[in-house]
Amino acid sequence: MADVIPVNRDVSAGAPKGITALWAPDEPCYTRRELKEMVSFSNDADILKYEPVLFGELHLPSQVLAAGTGGELSGTTFTASEADFVSAQVSAGGVIHVQSADGALDGAYEIVSVDSATQLSVSVVRSDSDDTAIAPPAATNISYRISTFGPQVSEVGFQLTEYFGIKPGNPVSDIDVEDVLDTDVLKRASVFAVISSVYAMLASKAKDENFWRKSLHYKTLFARARERCRLSIDVGSDGVADVTKVGASGRLVRD
């Protein structure tokens, strides 16, 4: 099994050799649109740790969940009286980009929780999502935007399960994602694959060689991260690993 095809992009023109796909299956895939289920191993906050610019000037306009003006930030609480974050499907693990009118505040922050339709808890990016939230600088009269790479994360998640031969990627498998005891090992691979896909998509539109280089760089990081993955799988539903899936080959090793 080789690599996964990044989503929502056309790399038919101008792509350097090796960028045409992250994964190029050697055999026909299942009819994935009929079989696909939502499965994610990373989120926007994970991507923020590596590429904040993807939530700033390089955000995808077609994937903006919410945007507006007149926001206020006090401590870890962000309030926008005209917003409806619930209807916009904003969620914890997302990213909000904020900019105050005076320019003193300009950056992207984690969304820790959605507290109401008009209020979020936010934080300076943390090394671990379980850490205490860190308050950004206070400000008023804030313009804000919440964009997401959720569709790309979901696509990569599905294709990772396809590579490792588990559901939903392999619908005939006896092993489901819920049987994997620790999916955190897939987080880094997911993040690198998503970022590589996004830069390839940006490069195909802007014809920017630097974007292609970025995409290749993250593709290499993805391949290494996937090789290091060892999925501990609980076949017996007793909380104990029975078999291991090894990333270097996708093969199953019985413990």
Protein backbone atom coordinates (compact mmCIF):
# COMPACT_ATOMS: atom_id res chain seq x y z
CA MET A 1 0.00 0.00 0.00
CA ALA A 2 1.41 3.40 -0.92
CA ASP A 3 0.24 6.91 0.06
CA VAL A 4 -3.30 8.95 0.38
CA ILE A 5 -4.59 11.42 -2.22
CA PRO A 6 -5.00 14.89 -0.68
CA VAL A 7 -8.48 16.35 -1.05
CA ASN A 8 -9.99 19.35 -2.82
CA ARG A 9 -7.10 20.17 -5.10
CA ASP A 10 -5.91 19.91 -8.67
CA VAL A 11 -2.23 19.13 -9.07
CA SER A 12 -2.36 18.31 -12.76
CA ALA A 13 -0.35 21.39 -13.74
CA GLY A 14 2.89 22.74 -12.36
CA ALA A 15 3.43 20.14 -9.64
CA PRO A 16 6.99 18.91 -9.14
CA LYS A 17 7.55 15.17 -9.32
CA GLY A 18 6.49 13.50 -6.07
CA ILE A 19 3.73 16.00 -5.22
CA THR A 20 0.93 14.48 -7.27
CA ALA A 21 -0.37 12.51 -4.29
CA LEU A 22 0.38 11.71 -0.69
CA TRP A 23 -1.09 8.26 -1.17
CA ALA A 24 -1.46 6.56 -4.53
CA PRO A 25 -3.28 3.24 -4.00
CA ASP A 26 -1.94 0.34 -6.05
CA GLU A 27 -5.37 -1.20 -6.44
CA PRO A 28 -8.96 0.03 -6.83
CA CYS A 29 -10.42 1.51 -3.63
CA TYR A 30 -13.83 0.81 -2.22
CA THR A 31 -16.59 3.21 -3.28
CA ARG A 32 -15.50 5.52 -0.51
CA ARG A 33 -18.25 8.12 -0.77
CA GLU A 34 -20.81 5.41 -0.02
CA LEU A 35 -18.77 3.87 2.79
CA LYS A 36 -17.15 6.89 4.39
CA GLU A 37 -17.77 7.73 8.01
CA MET A 38 -16.41 10.72 9.87
CA VAL A 39 -13.14 9.77 11.54
CA SER A 40 -10.56 12.30 12.73
CA PHE A 41 -7.21 11.82 14.42
CA SER A 42 -6.30 15.52 14.68
CA ASN A 43 -7.98 18.91 14.78
CA ASP A 44 -7.38 22.53 13.81
CA ALA A 45 -5.60 23.32 17.07
CA ASP A 46 -3.06 20.58 16.27
CA ILE A 47 -2.43 22.18 12.88
CA LEU A 48 -2.04 25.60 14.52
CA LYS A 49 1.03 24.36 16.40
CA TYR A 50 2.88 23.89 13.10
CA GLU A 51 1.40 26.42 10.65
CA PRO A 52 -0.40 29.42 12.23
CA VAL A 53 -0.33 31.18 8.84
CA LEU A 54 -2.92 28.70 7.54
CA PHE A 55 -5.45 30.38 9.83
CA GLY A 56 -4.29 33.86 8.87
CA GLU A 57 -3.59 35.11 5.37
CA LEU A 58 -3.59 31.58 3.93
CA HIS A 59 -6.94 30.46 5.37
CA LEU A 60 -9.43 28.85 2.99
CA PRO A 61 -12.32 31.30 2.41
CA SER A 62 -14.64 28.43 1.47
CA GLN A 63 -14.10 26.83 4.90
CA VAL A 64 -14.91 29.75 7.21
CA LEU A 65 -17.43 28.74 9.86
CA ALA A 66 -17.98 32.15 11.41
CA ALA A 67 -16.68 35.70 11.06
CA GLY A 68 -17.62 39.13 12.36
CA THR A 69 -16.63 42.31 14.15
CA GLY A 70 -17.20 43.89 17.56
CA GLY A 71 -15.73 41.02 19.55
CA GLU A 72 -14.31 41.38 23.04
CA LEU A 73 -11.58 39.36 24.72
CA SER A 74 -11.19 39.33 28.50
CA GLY A 75 -9.07 36.65 30.12
CA THR A 76 -9.86 33.45 28.27
CA THR A 77 -13.39 34.57 27.36
CA PHE A 78 -14.17 35.77 23.84
CA THR A 79 -17.59 37.33 23.31
CA ALA A 80 -19.29 38.35 20.06
CA SER A 81 -22.85 39.51 20.72
CA GLU A 82 -24.01 39.08 17.13
CA ALA A 83 -22.52 35.58 16.65
CA ASP A 84 -24.15 32.16 16.75
CA PHE A 85 -21.23 29.81 17.31
CA VAL A 86 -23.53 26.87 17.99
CA SER A 87 -25.37 27.11 14.66
CA ALA A 88 -22.02 27.64 12.91
CA GLN A 89 -20.87 24.27 14.33
CA VAL A 90 -17.85 25.79 16.05
CA SER A 91 -16.32 23.30 18.50
CA ALA A 92 -13.51 22.76 20.97
CA GLY A 93 -10.24 22.08 19.18
CA GLY A 94 -10.99 24.75 16.61
CA VAL A 95 -9.02 27.92 15.93
CA ILE A 96 -10.10 31.57 16.00
CA HIS A 97 -8.09 34.33 14.31
CA VAL A 98 -8.57 37.72 15.96
CA GLN A 99 -7.43 41.25 15.16
CA SER A 100 -8.14 44.38 17.17
CA ALA A 101 -8.83 47.71 15.46
CA ASP A 102 -5.60 49.22 16.84
CA GLY A 103 -3.53 46.25 15.66
CA ALA A 104 -2.30 45.43 19.17
CA LEU A 105 -3.92 42.01 18.93
CA ASP A 106 -3.39 39.99 15.77
CA GLY A 107 -3.10 36.22 15.87
CA ALA A 108 -4.71 32.79 16.09
CA TYR A 109 -5.78 31.04 19.27
CA GLU A 110 -7.20 27.68 20.31
CA ILE A 111 -10.89 27.31 21.01
CA VAL A 112 -11.06 25.50 24.34
CA SER A 113 -14.86 25.35 24.57
CA VAL A 114 -18.07 26.78 23.16
CA ASP A 115 -19.79 28.22 26.23
CA SER A 116 -22.84 29.68 24.48
CA ALA A 117 -23.98 30.92 21.09
CA THR A 118 -22.06 34.15 21.63
CA GLN A 119 -19.21 33.12 23.91
CA LEU A 120 -16.07 30.99 23.58
CA SER A 121 -13.25 30.03 25.90
CA VAL A 122 -9.94 30.50 24.07
CA SER A 123 -6.26 30.04 24.82
CA VAL A 124 -2.78 30.71 23.57
CA VAL A 125 -1.70 27.47 21.87
CA ARG A 126 -0.81 24.83 24.47
CA SER A 127 1.48 21.83 24.25
CA ASP A 128 -1.32 19.64 25.60
CA SER A 129 -5.07 20.18 25.35
CA ASP A 130 -5.43 19.11 29.01
CA ASP A 131 -3.24 21.99 30.20
CA THR A 132 -4.85 25.04 31.80
CA ALA A 133 -6.01 27.63 29.27
CA ILE A 134 -3.63 30.58 28.79
CA ALA A 135 -5.28 33.97 28.36
CA PRO A 136 -4.43 36.00 25.22
CA PRO A 137 -4.06 39.80 25.55
CA ALA A 138 -7.31 41.56 26.40
CA ALA A 139 -8.87 43.68 23.66
CA THR A 140 -12.13 45.17 22.38
CA ASN A 141 -13.50 46.01 18.94
CA ILE A 142 -12.09 42.77 17.56
CA SER A 143 -12.58 41.38 14.07
CA TYR A 144 -12.62 37.61 14.17
CA ARG A 145 -12.70 34.61 11.84
CA ILE A 146 -13.05 30.90 12.55
CA SER A 147 -11.90 28.75 9.65
CA THR A 148 -11.39 25.00 9.63
CA PHE A 149 -9.58 22.16 7.90
CA GLY A 150 -12.16 19.67 9.16
CA PRO A 151 -12.95 18.25 5.69
CA GLN A 152 -9.26 17.56 5.04
CA VAL A 153 -8.79 16.07 8.52
CA SER A 154 -11.74 13.74 7.95
CA GLU A 155 -10.45 12.64 4.55
CA VAL A 156 -6.98 11.90 5.90
CA GLY A 157 -8.48 10.05 8.87
CA PHE A 158 -10.49 7.83 6.55
CA GLN A 159 -7.47 7.12 4.38
CA LEU A 160 -5.30 6.26 7.37
CA THR A 161 -7.84 3.64 8.42
CA GLU A 162 -7.79 2.41 4.82
CA TYR A 163 -3.99 2.07 4.94
CA PHE A 164 -4.04 0.18 8.23
CA GLY A 165 -6.88 -2.05 7.03
CA ILE A 166 -9.43 -1.14 9.69
CA LYS A 167 -12.96 0.25 9.51
CA PRO A 168 -14.20 2.52 8.08
CA GLY A 169 -11.40 2.54 5.49
CA ASN A 170 -11.65 -1.22 5.10
CA PRO A 171 -15.36 -2.00 5.57
CA VAL A 172 -14.84 -5.79 5.61
CA SER A 173 -12.33 -5.65 8.48
CA ASP A 174 -13.18 -7.10 11.90
CA ILE A 175 -11.31 -4.18 13.49
CA ASP A 176 -12.94 -0.78 14.02
CA VAL A 177 -11.38 2.53 15.06
CA GLU A 178 -12.95 2.04 18.50
CA ASP A 179 -10.81 -1.09 18.91
CA VAL A 180 -7.59 0.96 18.72
CA LEU A 181 -6.52 1.62 22.31
CA ASP A 182 -4.57 4.81 21.61
CA THR A 183 -5.27 6.75 18.42
CA ASP A 184 -2.98 9.60 19.55
CA VAL A 185 -0.14 7.83 17.70
CA LEU A 186 -1.93 8.78 14.48
CA LYS A 187 -2.27 12.47 15.36
CA ARG A 188 1.09 13.62 14.04
CA ALA A 189 0.73 11.64 10.80
CA SER A 190 -2.72 13.17 10.31
CA VAL A 191 -1.48 16.73 10.91
CA PHE A 192 1.43 16.39 8.47
CA ALA A 193 -0.78 14.85 5.77
CA VAL A 194 -3.37 17.61 6.11
CA ILE A 195 -0.77 20.40 5.96
CA SER A 196 0.90 18.83 2.93
CA SER A 197 -2.46 18.60 1.18
CA VAL A 198 -3.35 22.21 1.95
CA TYR A 199 -0.04 23.59 0.68
CA ALA A 200 -0.35 21.51 -2.48
CA MET A 201 -3.83 22.95 -2.98
CA LEU A 202 -2.55 26.49 -2.43
CA ALA A 203 0.36 25.91 -4.80
CA SER A 204 -1.90 24.66 -7.57
CA LYS A 205 -3.82 27.95 -7.40
CA ALA A 206 -0.98 30.39 -6.82
CA LYS A 207 1.72 28.51 -8.78
CA ASP A 208 4.08 29.29 -5.91
CA GLU A 209 7.21 27.13 -5.76
CA ASN A 210 7.57 27.78 -2.02
CA PHE A 211 4.16 26.21 -1.42
CA TRP A 212 5.25 23.12 -3.36
CA ARG A 213 8.40 22.89 -1.23
CA LYS A 214 6.30 23.15 1.92
CA SER A 215 4.01 20.41 0.66
CA LEU A 216 6.95 18.11 -0.10
CA HIS A 217 8.49 18.83 3.31
CA TYR A 218 5.33 17.85 5.15
CA LYS A 219 4.82 14.85 2.90
CA THR A 220 8.22 13.57 4.04
CA LEU A 221 7.35 14.23 7.69
CA PHE A 222 4.05 12.41 7.19
CA ALA A 223 5.74 9.32 5.72
CA ARG A 224 8.14 9.13 8.66
CA ALA A 225 5.36 9.66 11.22
CA ARG A 226 3.20 6.95 9.66
CA GLU A 227 6.12 4.50 9.66
CA ARG A 228 6.56 5.01 13.41
CA CYS A 229 2.90 4.27 14.16
CA ARG A 230 2.17 1.14 16.16
CA LEU A 231 -1.55 0.67 16.72
CA SER A 232 -2.42 -1.42 19.77
CA ILE A 233 -5.72 -3.14 19.02
CA ASP A 234 -8.14 -4.70 21.49
CA VAL A 235 -9.83 -7.50 19.55
CA GLY A 236 -11.35 -9.10 22.65
CA SER A 237 -13.01 -5.93 23.99
CA ASP A 238 -11.31 -6.42 27.36
CA GLY A 239 -9.12 -3.31 27.32
CA VAL A 240 -5.98 -5.32 26.60
CA ALA A 241 -4.03 -5.15 23.32
CA ASP A 242 -4.26 -8.41 21.38
CA VAL A 243 -2.60 -7.37 18.12
CA THR A 244 -0.49 -4.52 16.79
CA LYS A 245 -0.63 -2.79 13.42
CA VAL A 246 2.81 -1.59 12.34
CA GLY A 247 2.97 1.62 10.32
CA ALA A 248 6.01 0.74 8.24
CA SER A 249 4.04 -1.95 6.43
CA GLY A 250 0.48 -1.74 7.72
CA ARG A 251 0.91 -5.38 8.75
CA LEU A 252 -0.76 -6.97 11.75
CA VAL A 253 1.41 -8.51 14.49
CA ARG A 254 -0.23 -10.67 17.14
CA ASP A 255 0.94 -9.85 20.67
